[in-house]
Amino acid sequence: MPKALVEYEGSLLVERAVRTARAACDVVLVVLGAQAVDVWRAADFGGATVLANKDWETGMASSLRTGLDGLRGFPGTVDAALITLVDMPGMTPAALERLAAHGAPDALAVATYDGVRGHPVLIGRQHWAGVVETLTGDEGARRYLAAHDATEVDCTGLADPADLDVPPPGVPSAP
């Protein structure tokens, strides 16, 4: 079962992520991977734009690439992408808003929790091509952010940065 379809505290993880993003962002774009059609049919995306990542099996990098490519073609101008993950049910609008406050075309910002980098990550439009060039496997934008002067934004206490790579009790693990 894809993480997006995991139910957590009464709703699907993808629905929680969309609601959280909606509370902090004007434009919400969701990239679906495994079983995209099943997720699309099951979830309420609350008006978010939904894209399918046909290369999802190659890792997180392809989802980030799909999302950034989708934003390039988005009507109007999007200055920056605020990246969060579906498997972080403890993410809050407050953490997203703190990062979004740094939004600008030349911005790079990463949330920290007790000094440790995590999500969300903000990537200004001027960095999208550079990020895409460095994407591989499950690494995401980590190498690009490490090689550039990303602003660290303290989000300690604003959100729980833990992800659910290991399903919580009572949730069956993926086959």
C-alpha atoms as a PDB file:
ATOM      1  CA  MET A   1       0.000   0.000   0.000  1.00  0.00           C
ATOM      2  CA  PRO A   2       1.408   3.431  -0.890  1.00  0.00           C
ATOM      3  CA  LYS A   3       1.974   5.829   2.007  1.00  0.00           C
ATOM      4  CA  ALA A   4      -0.608   8.219   0.575  1.00  0.00           C
ATOM      5  CA  LEU A   5      -3.348   5.646   1.277  1.00  0.00           C
ATOM      6  CA  VAL A   6      -2.315   4.968   4.863  1.00  0.00           C
ATOM      7  CA  GLU A   7      -5.025   6.107   7.259  1.00  0.00           C
ATOM      8  CA  TYR A   8      -3.802   8.082  10.250  1.00  0.00           C
ATOM      9  CA  GLU A   9      -6.085   9.501  12.926  1.00  0.00           C
ATOM     10  CA  GLY A  10      -9.159   9.231  10.722  1.00  0.00           C
ATOM     11  CA  SER A  11      -7.905  10.454   7.358  1.00  0.00           C
ATOM     12  CA  LEU A  12      -5.513   9.438   4.619  1.00  0.00           C
ATOM     13  CA  LEU A  13      -1.962  10.750   4.963  1.00  0.00           C
ATOM     14  CA  VAL A  14      -2.269  12.520   1.609  1.00  0.00           C
ATOM     15  CA  GLU A  15      -5.450  14.293   2.746  1.00  0.00           C
ATOM     16  CA  ARG A  16      -3.724  15.456   5.956  1.00  0.00           C
ATOM     17  CA  ALA A  17      -0.768  16.754   3.945  1.00  0.00           C
ATOM     18  CA  VAL A  18      -3.046  18.636   1.540  1.00  0.00           C
ATOM     19  CA  ARG A  19      -5.065  20.225   4.374  1.00  0.00           C
ATOM     20  CA  THR A  20      -1.866  21.325   6.096  1.00  0.00           C
ATOM     21  CA  ALA A  21      -0.436  22.795   2.886  1.00  0.00           C
ATOM     22  CA  ARG A  22      -3.749  24.507   2.022  1.00  0.00           C
ATOM     23  CA  ALA A  23      -3.687  26.314   5.367  1.00  0.00           C
ATOM     24  CA  ALA A  24      -0.321  27.874   4.518  1.00  0.00           C
ATOM     25  CA  CYS A  25      -0.022  28.032   0.705  1.00  0.00           C
ATOM     26  CA  ASP A  26      -1.973  29.650  -2.129  1.00  0.00           C
ATOM     27  CA  VAL A  27      -1.091  26.929  -4.639  1.00  0.00           C
ATOM     28  CA  VAL A  28      -0.955  23.263  -3.638  1.00  0.00           C
ATOM     29  CA  LEU A  29       0.444  20.678  -6.017  1.00  0.00           C
ATOM     30  CA  VAL A  30       0.451  16.984  -5.101  1.00  0.00           C
ATOM     31  CA  VAL A  31       2.724  14.461  -6.805  1.00  0.00           C
ATOM     32  CA  LEU A  32       1.445  10.892  -6.691  1.00  0.00           C
ATOM     33  CA  GLY A  33       3.644   7.844  -7.152  1.00  0.00           C
ATOM     34  CA  ALA A  34       2.749   4.240  -6.403  1.00  0.00           C
ATOM     35  CA  GLN A  35      -0.821   3.326  -7.334  1.00  0.00           C
ATOM     36  CA  ALA A  36      -1.529   6.905  -8.396  1.00  0.00           C
ATOM     37  CA  VAL A  37      -4.926   6.049  -9.883  1.00  0.00           C
ATOM     38  CA  ASP A  38      -6.039   4.318  -6.671  1.00  0.00           C
ATOM     39  CA  VAL A  39      -4.895   7.284  -4.579  1.00  0.00           C
ATOM     40  CA  TRP A  40      -6.571   9.752  -6.932  1.00  0.00           C
ATOM     41  CA  ARG A  41      -9.859   7.844  -6.668  1.00  0.00           C
ATOM     42  CA  ALA A  42      -9.732   7.426  -2.877  1.00  0.00           C
ATOM     43  CA  ALA A  43      -8.516  10.805  -1.663  1.00  0.00           C
ATOM     44  CA  ASP A  44     -10.077  14.229  -1.320  1.00  0.00           C
ATOM     45  CA  PHE A  45      -7.468  16.631  -2.674  1.00  0.00           C
ATOM     46  CA  GLY A  46      -9.378  19.743  -1.658  1.00  0.00           C
ATOM     47  CA  GLY A  47      -8.811  21.533  -4.958  1.00  0.00           C
ATOM     48  CA  ALA A  48      -5.074  20.819  -5.130  1.00  0.00           C
ATOM     49  CA  THR A  49      -3.494  20.206  -8.518  1.00  0.00           C
ATOM     50  CA  VAL A  50      -2.541  16.539  -8.804  1.00  0.00           C
ATOM     51  CA  LEU A  51       0.277  15.149 -10.959  1.00  0.00           C
ATOM     52  CA  ALA A  52       1.289  11.532 -11.463  1.00  0.00           C
ATOM     53  CA  ASN A  53       4.982  10.647 -11.306  1.00  0.00           C
ATOM     54  CA  LYS A  54       5.376   7.882 -13.877  1.00  0.00           C
ATOM     55  CA  ASP A  55       8.957   7.252 -12.702  1.00  0.00           C
ATOM     56  CA  TRP A  56       8.087   6.867  -8.994  1.00  0.00           C
ATOM     57  CA  GLU A  57       9.955   3.557  -8.718  1.00  0.00           C
ATOM     58  CA  THR A  58      13.266   5.367  -9.260  1.00  0.00           C
ATOM     59  CA  GLY A  59      12.925   7.210  -5.933  1.00  0.00           C
ATOM     60  CA  MET A  60      12.027  10.519  -4.339  1.00  0.00           C
ATOM     61  CA  ALA A  61      14.103  12.502  -6.830  1.00  0.00           C
ATOM     62  CA  SER A  62      11.660  11.757  -9.641  1.00  0.00           C
ATOM     63  CA  SER A  63       8.747  13.058  -7.557  1.00  0.00           C
ATOM     64  CA  LEU A  64      10.570  16.314  -6.841  1.00  0.00           C
ATOM     65  CA  ARG A  65      11.439  16.611 -10.544  1.00  0.00           C
ATOM     66  CA  THR A  66       7.780  16.021 -11.488  1.00  0.00           C
ATOM     67  CA  GLY A  67       6.616  18.649  -9.010  1.00  0.00           C
ATOM     68  CA  LEU A  68       9.106  21.313 -10.067  1.00  0.00           C
ATOM     69  CA  ASP A  69       8.374  20.653 -13.747  1.00  0.00           C
ATOM     70  CA  GLY A  70       4.659  20.970 -12.967  1.00  0.00           C
ATOM     71  CA  LEU A  71       5.164  24.306 -11.227  1.00  0.00           C
ATOM     72  CA  ARG A  72       7.095  25.682 -14.208  1.00  0.00           C
ATOM     73  CA  GLY A  73       3.973  25.286 -16.317  1.00  0.00           C
ATOM     74  CA  PHE A  74       1.580  26.520 -13.640  1.00  0.00           C
ATOM     75  CA  PRO A  75      -0.599  29.494 -14.586  1.00  0.00           C
ATOM     76  CA  GLY A  76       0.755  32.693 -13.106  1.00  0.00           C
ATOM     77  CA  THR A  77       4.077  32.997 -11.390  1.00  0.00           C
ATOM     78  CA  VAL A  78       5.111  30.783  -8.516  1.00  0.00           C
ATOM     79  CA  ASP A  79       8.190  32.297  -6.858  1.00  0.00           C
ATOM     80  CA  ALA A  80       9.179  29.291  -4.759  1.00  0.00           C
ATOM     81  CA  ALA A  81       8.253  25.682  -4.058  1.00  0.00           C
ATOM     82  CA  LEU A  82       7.621  24.627  -0.479  1.00  0.00           C
ATOM     83  CA  ILE A  83       8.321  20.896  -0.265  1.00  0.00           C
ATOM     84  CA  THR A  84       6.769  18.664   2.366  1.00  0.00           C
ATOM     85  CA  LEU A  85       6.280  14.907   2.484  1.00  0.00           C
ATOM     86  CA  VAL A  86       3.144  12.796   2.701  1.00  0.00           C
ATOM     87  CA  ASP A  87       4.510  10.636   5.528  1.00  0.00           C
ATOM     88  CA  MET A  88       4.924  13.485   8.031  1.00  0.00           C
ATOM     89  CA  PRO A  89       1.548  13.719   9.781  1.00  0.00           C
ATOM     90  CA  GLY A  90       3.015  15.999  12.454  1.00  0.00           C
ATOM     91  CA  MET A  91       3.698  18.786   9.942  1.00  0.00           C
ATOM     92  CA  THR A  92       1.785  21.971  10.737  1.00  0.00           C
ATOM     93  CA  PRO A  93       0.729  25.117   8.909  1.00  0.00           C
ATOM     94  CA  ALA A  94       2.913  27.079  11.361  1.00  0.00           C
ATOM     95  CA  ALA A  95       6.086  25.322  10.177  1.00  0.00           C
ATOM     96  CA  LEU A  96       5.111  25.764   6.526  1.00  0.00           C
ATOM     97  CA  GLU A  97       4.329  29.451   7.104  1.00  0.00           C
ATOM     98  CA  ARG A  98       7.678  30.020   8.811  1.00  0.00           C
ATOM     99  CA  LEU A  99       9.494  28.669   5.735  1.00  0.00           C
ATOM    100  CA  ALA A 100       7.112  30.387   3.300  1.00  0.00           C
ATOM    101  CA  ALA A 101       8.056  33.740   4.856  1.00  0.00           C
ATOM    102  CA  HIS A 102      11.431  33.292   3.112  1.00  0.00           C
ATOM    103  CA  GLY A 103       9.779  32.754  -0.283  1.00  0.00           C
ATOM    104  CA  ALA A 104      11.476  34.533  -3.165  1.00  0.00           C
ATOM    105  CA  PRO A 105      12.756  33.410  -6.565  1.00  0.00           C
ATOM    106  CA  ASP A 106      16.363  33.293  -5.290  1.00  0.00           C
ATOM    107  CA  ALA A 107      15.580  31.705  -1.906  1.00  0.00           C
ATOM    108  CA  LEU A 108      16.781  28.408  -0.472  1.00  0.00           C
ATOM    109  CA  ALA A 109      15.597  27.536   3.018  1.00  0.00           C
ATOM    110  CA  VAL A 110      15.394  24.390   5.098  1.00  0.00           C
ATOM    111  CA  ALA A 111      13.595  23.734   8.366  1.00  0.00           C
ATOM    112  CA  THR A 112      15.640  22.650  11.361  1.00  0.00           C
ATOM    113  CA  TYR A 113      14.474  20.908  14.498  1.00  0.00           C
ATOM    114  CA  ASP A 114      16.891  21.162  17.429  1.00  0.00           C
ATOM    115  CA  GLY A 115      19.604  22.011  14.888  1.00  0.00           C
ATOM    116  CA  VAL A 116      18.923  19.040  12.581  1.00  0.00           C
ATOM    117  CA  ARG A 117      17.815  19.744   9.004  1.00  0.00           C
ATOM    118  CA  GLY A 118      14.469  18.355   7.903  1.00  0.00           C
ATOM    119  CA  HIS A 119      11.279  19.299   6.052  1.00  0.00           C
ATOM    120  CA  PRO A 120       9.758  21.480   4.819  1.00  0.00           C
ATOM    121  CA  VAL A 121      12.275  22.805   2.323  1.00  0.00           C
ATOM    122  CA  LEU A 122      11.776  25.976   0.291  1.00  0.00           C
ATOM    123  CA  ILE A 123      13.322  26.188  -3.181  1.00  0.00           C
ATOM    124  CA  GLY A 124      13.124  29.471  -5.081  1.00  0.00           C
ATOM    125  CA  ARG A 125      12.342  29.375  -8.804  1.00  0.00           C
ATOM    126  CA  GLN A 126      15.903  30.435  -9.740  1.00  0.00           C
ATOM    127  CA  HIS A 127      17.193  27.194  -8.168  1.00  0.00           C
ATOM    128  CA  TRP A 128      14.743  24.744  -9.763  1.00  0.00           C
ATOM    129  CA  ALA A 129      16.916  23.882 -12.781  1.00  0.00           C
ATOM    130  CA  GLY A 130      19.991  23.415 -10.584  1.00  0.00           C
ATOM    131  CA  VAL A 131      18.098  21.189  -8.172  1.00  0.00           C
ATOM    132  CA  VAL A 132      16.731  19.056 -11.015  1.00  0.00           C
ATOM    133  CA  GLU A 133      20.262  18.585 -12.414  1.00  0.00           C
ATOM    134  CA  THR A 134      21.464  17.089  -9.104  1.00  0.00           C
ATOM    135  CA  LEU A 135      18.503  14.799  -8.372  1.00  0.00           C
ATOM    136  CA  THR A 136      19.168  11.073  -8.040  1.00  0.00           C
ATOM    137  CA  GLY A 137      17.369   8.171  -6.377  1.00  0.00           C
ATOM    138  CA  ASP A 138      15.945   8.812  -2.924  1.00  0.00           C
ATOM    139  CA  GLU A 139      18.238  11.729  -2.144  1.00  0.00           C
ATOM    140  CA  GLY A 140      15.939  14.602  -3.086  1.00  0.00           C
ATOM    141  CA  ALA A 141      17.532  18.071  -3.004  1.00  0.00           C
ATOM    142  CA  ARG A 142      19.978  17.255  -0.185  1.00  0.00           C
ATOM    143  CA  ARG A 143      23.170  17.595  -2.288  1.00  0.00           C
ATOM    144  CA  TYR A 144      22.048  20.855  -3.851  1.00  0.00           C
ATOM    145  CA  LEU A 145      21.100  22.347  -0.492  1.00  0.00           C
ATOM    146  CA  ALA A 146      24.428  21.267   1.025  1.00  0.00           C
ATOM    147  CA  ALA A 147      26.373  22.864  -1.835  1.00  0.00           C
ATOM    148  CA  HIS A 148      24.514  26.184  -1.642  1.00  0.00           C
ATOM    149  CA  ASP A 149      23.866  28.694   1.088  1.00  0.00           C
ATOM    150  CA  ALA A 150      20.449  27.506   2.275  1.00  0.00           C
ATOM    151  CA  THR A 151      18.966  29.518   5.108  1.00  0.00           C
ATOM    152  CA  GLU A 152      18.266  27.335   8.125  1.00  0.00           C
ATOM    153  CA  VAL A 153      14.897  28.174   9.669  1.00  0.00           C
ATOM    154  CA  ASP A 154      14.296  26.974  13.219  1.00  0.00           C
ATOM    155  CA  CYS A 155      10.965  25.140  13.412  1.00  0.00           C
ATOM    156  CA  THR A 156      11.623  23.441  16.746  1.00  0.00           C
ATOM    157  CA  GLY A 157       8.320  23.060  18.543  1.00  0.00           C
ATOM    158  CA  LEU A 158       6.246  24.116  15.534  1.00  0.00           C
ATOM    159  CA  ALA A 159       5.900  20.631  14.037  1.00  0.00           C
ATOM    160  CA  ASP A 160       6.859  17.034  14.634  1.00  0.00           C
ATOM    161  CA  PRO A 161       9.518  16.214  12.021  1.00  0.00           C
ATOM    162  CA  ALA A 162       9.149  12.440  12.397  1.00  0.00           C
ATOM    163  CA  ASP A 163       8.087  10.508   9.337  1.00  0.00           C
ATOM    164  CA  LEU A 164       6.157   7.288   9.130  1.00  0.00           C
ATOM    165  CA  ASP A 165       8.572   5.167   7.126  1.00  0.00           C
ATOM    166  CA  VAL A 166       7.690   2.476   9.630  1.00  0.00           C
ATOM    167  CA  PRO A 167       3.904   2.116   9.789  1.00  0.00           C
ATOM    168  CA  PRO A 168       2.344   2.946  13.166  1.00  0.00           C
ATOM    169  CA  PRO A 169       0.809   0.151  15.246  1.00  0.00           C
ATOM    170  CA  GLY A 170      -2.248  -1.362  13.608  1.00  0.00           C
ATOM    171  CA  VAL A 171      -1.314  -0.232  10.098  1.00  0.00           C
ATOM    172  CA  PRO A 172      -0.163  -3.071   7.849  1.00  0.00           C
ATOM    173  CA  SER A 173       3.222  -2.598   6.226  1.00  0.00           C
ATOM    174  CA  ALA A 174       3.505  -2.386   2.457  1.00  0.00           C
ATOM    175  CA  PRO A 175       3.913  -5.720   0.680  1.00  0.00           C
END
